[in-house]
C-alpha atoms as a PDB file:
ATOM      1  CA  UNK A   1      25.316 -14.625  21.576  1.00  0.00           C
ATOM      2  CA  UNK A   2      22.764 -15.111  18.802  1.00  0.00           C
ATOM      3  CA  UNK A   3      21.197 -12.112  17.178  1.00  0.00           C
ATOM      4  CA  UNK A   4      17.601 -12.286  16.143  1.00  0.00           C
ATOM      5  CA  UNK A   5      16.871 -10.697  12.803  1.00  0.00           C
ATOM      6  CA  UNK A   6      13.138  -9.940  12.356  1.00  0.00           C
ATOM      7  CA  UNK A   7      11.646 -11.063   9.024  1.00  0.00           C
ATOM      8  CA  UNK A   8      10.952  -8.068   6.751  1.00  0.00           C
ATOM      9  CA  UNK A   9       7.560  -7.201   5.493  1.00  0.00           C
ATOM     10  CA  UNK A  10       7.568  -7.729   1.766  1.00  0.00           C
ATOM     11  CA  UNK A  11       5.227  -5.713  -0.359  1.00  0.00           C
ATOM     12  CA  UNK A  12       4.138  -7.913  -3.359  1.00  0.00           C
ATOM     13  CA  UNK A  13       2.709  -6.200  -6.465  1.00  0.00           C
ATOM     14  CA  UNK A  14       0.464  -8.613  -8.309  1.00  0.00           C
ATOM     15  CA  UNK A  15       0.215  -8.047 -12.093  1.00  0.00           C
ATOM     16  CA  UNK A  16      -2.467  -9.613 -14.120  1.00  0.00           C
ATOM     17  CA  UNK A  17      -2.480  -9.303 -17.967  1.00  0.00           C
ATOM     18  CA  UNK A  18       0.242  -6.676 -17.773  1.00  0.00           C
ATOM     19  CA  UNK A  19      -1.767  -4.466 -15.422  1.00  0.00           C
ATOM     20  CA  UNK A  20      -1.518  -3.804 -11.759  1.00  0.00           C
ATOM     21  CA  UNK A  21      -4.076  -5.911  -9.831  1.00  0.00           C
ATOM     22  CA  UNK A  22      -3.312  -5.464  -6.131  1.00  0.00           C
ATOM     23  CA  UNK A  23      -0.593  -5.113  -3.515  1.00  0.00           C
ATOM     24  CA  UNK A  24      -0.272  -7.600  -0.617  1.00  0.00           C
ATOM     25  CA  UNK A  25       1.953  -7.493   2.533  1.00  0.00           C
ATOM     26  CA  UNK A  26       3.760 -10.760   3.118  1.00  0.00           C
ATOM     27  CA  UNK A  27       5.409 -11.439   6.486  1.00  0.00           C
ATOM     28  CA  UNK A  28       6.111 -15.129   6.081  1.00  0.00           C
ATOM     29  CA  UNK A  29       9.384 -16.541   7.266  1.00  0.00           C
ATOM     30  CA  UNK A  30      12.016 -17.710   4.890  1.00  0.00           C
ATOM     31  CA  UNK A  31      15.320 -19.404   5.508  1.00  0.00           C
ATOM     32  CA  UNK A  32      17.871 -17.122   7.122  1.00  0.00           C
ATOM     33  CA  UNK A  33      21.113 -17.311   5.066  1.00  0.00           C
ATOM     34  CA  UNK A  34      24.259 -15.335   4.332  1.00  0.00           C
ATOM     35  CA  UNK A  35      23.762 -13.433   1.040  1.00  0.00           C
ATOM     36  CA  UNK A  36      27.172 -12.229   0.168  1.00  0.00           C
ATOM     37  CA  UNK A  37      28.319 -10.105   3.111  1.00  0.00           C
ATOM     38  CA  UNK A  38      24.826  -9.687   4.550  1.00  0.00           C
ATOM     39  CA  UNK A  39      22.421 -11.896   6.492  1.00  0.00           C
ATOM     40  CA  UNK A  40      18.969 -12.138   4.875  1.00  0.00           C
ATOM     41  CA  UNK A  41      15.923 -14.220   4.320  1.00  0.00           C
ATOM     42  CA  UNK A  42      15.421 -16.454   1.323  1.00  0.00           C
ATOM     43  CA  UNK A  43      11.759 -17.203   0.371  1.00  0.00           C
ATOM     44  CA  UNK A  44      10.219 -20.168  -1.398  1.00  0.00           C
ATOM     45  CA  UNK A  45       8.295 -19.280  -4.484  1.00  0.00           C
ATOM     46  CA  UNK A  46       5.649 -21.915  -3.765  1.00  0.00           C
ATOM     47  CA  UNK A  47       4.900 -20.483  -0.336  1.00  0.00           C
ATOM     48  CA  UNK A  48       4.566 -16.934  -1.732  1.00  0.00           C
ATOM     49  CA  UNK A  49       2.197 -18.175  -4.567  1.00  0.00           C
ATOM     50  CA  UNK A  50       0.069 -20.205  -2.007  1.00  0.00           C
ATOM     51  CA  UNK A  51      -0.161 -17.067   0.192  1.00  0.00           C
ATOM     52  CA  UNK A  52      -1.318 -14.953  -2.769  1.00  0.00           C
ATOM     53  CA  UNK A  53      -3.946 -17.492  -3.829  1.00  0.00           C
ATOM     54  CA  UNK A  54      -5.202 -17.886  -0.264  1.00  0.00           C
ATOM     55  CA  UNK A  55      -5.676 -14.040   0.004  1.00  0.00           C
ATOM     56  CA  UNK A  56      -7.054 -13.594  -3.537  1.00  0.00           C
ATOM     57  CA  UNK A  57      -8.910 -16.811  -4.555  1.00  0.00           C
ATOM     58  CA  UNK A  58      -9.820 -15.212  -7.875  1.00  0.00           C
ATOM     59  CA  UNK A  59      -6.285 -15.579  -8.997  1.00  0.00           C
ATOM     60  CA  UNK A  60      -6.251 -19.353  -8.878  1.00  0.00           C
ATOM     61  CA  UNK A  61      -5.518 -20.884 -12.226  1.00  0.00           C
ATOM     62  CA  UNK A  62      -4.716 -17.458 -13.816  1.00  0.00           C
ATOM     63  CA  UNK A  63      -1.357 -16.287 -15.186  1.00  0.00           C
ATOM     64  CA  UNK A  64      -0.236 -13.536 -12.781  1.00  0.00           C
ATOM     65  CA  UNK A  65       3.162 -12.111 -12.139  1.00  0.00           C
ATOM     66  CA  UNK A  66       4.655 -11.091  -8.789  1.00  0.00           C
ATOM     67  CA  UNK A  67       6.933  -8.152  -8.354  1.00  0.00           C
ATOM     68  CA  UNK A  68       8.542  -6.924  -5.210  1.00  0.00           C
ATOM     69  CA  UNK A  69       7.412  -3.410  -4.561  1.00  0.00           C
ATOM     70  CA  UNK A  70       9.771  -0.643  -3.370  1.00  0.00           C
ATOM     71  CA  UNK A  71       6.862   1.477  -1.848  1.00  0.00           C
ATOM     72  CA  UNK A  72       3.350   1.137  -0.543  1.00  0.00           C
ATOM     73  CA  UNK A  73       0.509   1.852  -2.898  1.00  0.00           C
ATOM     74  CA  UNK A  74      -2.251   3.992  -1.239  1.00  0.00           C
END
């Protein structure tokens, strides 16, 4: 019997010029693979960047960095 693993909600911290710009919730699907002893999703960097630029068009063409957040910024 196959077990369905729901995709996690990733919190992405967007950094621009070394400063916090915004935080986005990403729920896109990645490839489900074995990562060592655990089953997890592997995401494509291009799909994450296209999602960010679709949500925040002002970041197109700018040098921003993406960090995976551990907690929600309120």
